[in-house]
């Protein structure tokens, strides 16, 4: 009998329906089912750690990117596999894995239990699963957090607010091949081809190649940067000379000793760090998809 735990974010749309559909689709004679409801900040991590202690073989994150991230943080380099029921807004990791947002279809994928070990990103002592960024995209998330609404419309509002409030920062980079100084408009390290809502800046990124995809867009005039962002919205990437792409396994970023806005998997963090040590941790999370 498979020990299967579902952790549902009660604030997500259709949270109540998910609980009912799980009970309807999984025979209690075949599965040892446990359903837990996450009710407050940090509760998802508490519930996930408890499920590991209780012998769960699979833990299913039912929610948006935040819920998925909190569950996954606990499962890196463990024998416990993770499933996803995407009932949030962006659903970046689920979209990359082609896990449908239709509830019945997502449950059918879970019942097949076909899994593979995926790569995980790490920045300092924190894991990430989709992407990490500083510069403009982190400012967008900072502005998004100040808007009470959610969804693509709220992201559009945050984008235009970020344009008027963004300030450049100079960084120093060092990887195995090069050392350079940069003042980027966009600096993104991605493990997937998703920013959410099926938008991307790294269309070739993969969870299974042992690499992170970096895109660095250098400081330029507002017209060219706006032109680039407009094309990127439609997943088109003309060859601008100030756009640099690279696949890498590890990189060190030195930054000013100041409070930086950092975006990790759609979450804005304010970090005071003089270095960001970013690397890929290959095949370290068992994912069902």
Foldseek 3Di string as FASTA:
>chain_A
DAEEEEEFEPPFPCSVVLVVVVPVPDDVVVYVYHYHYQDDPPSLLVVLVVSVVVPHQEYEQEEALVSVQSNQQVFFQHNRAYAYQYRYAFRFVCVQVVQDNPRVSSVVLVVVQDKFQFKWKDKDHGIFRFKKWFAQVLQLLVQLVVDPDDHPVSSVVSNVVSVVVTDWFKKWKDDPPDIDIATFNIWMKGQGQGPGPNFGPCNPHHRADLKIKIKTAGDDDPVVVVVQVVCSRVPHHPDDPRIDMDIDFKMKMAGDQDFTWMAGSSDTDTDRDRMIIMGMDGRGHMYGD
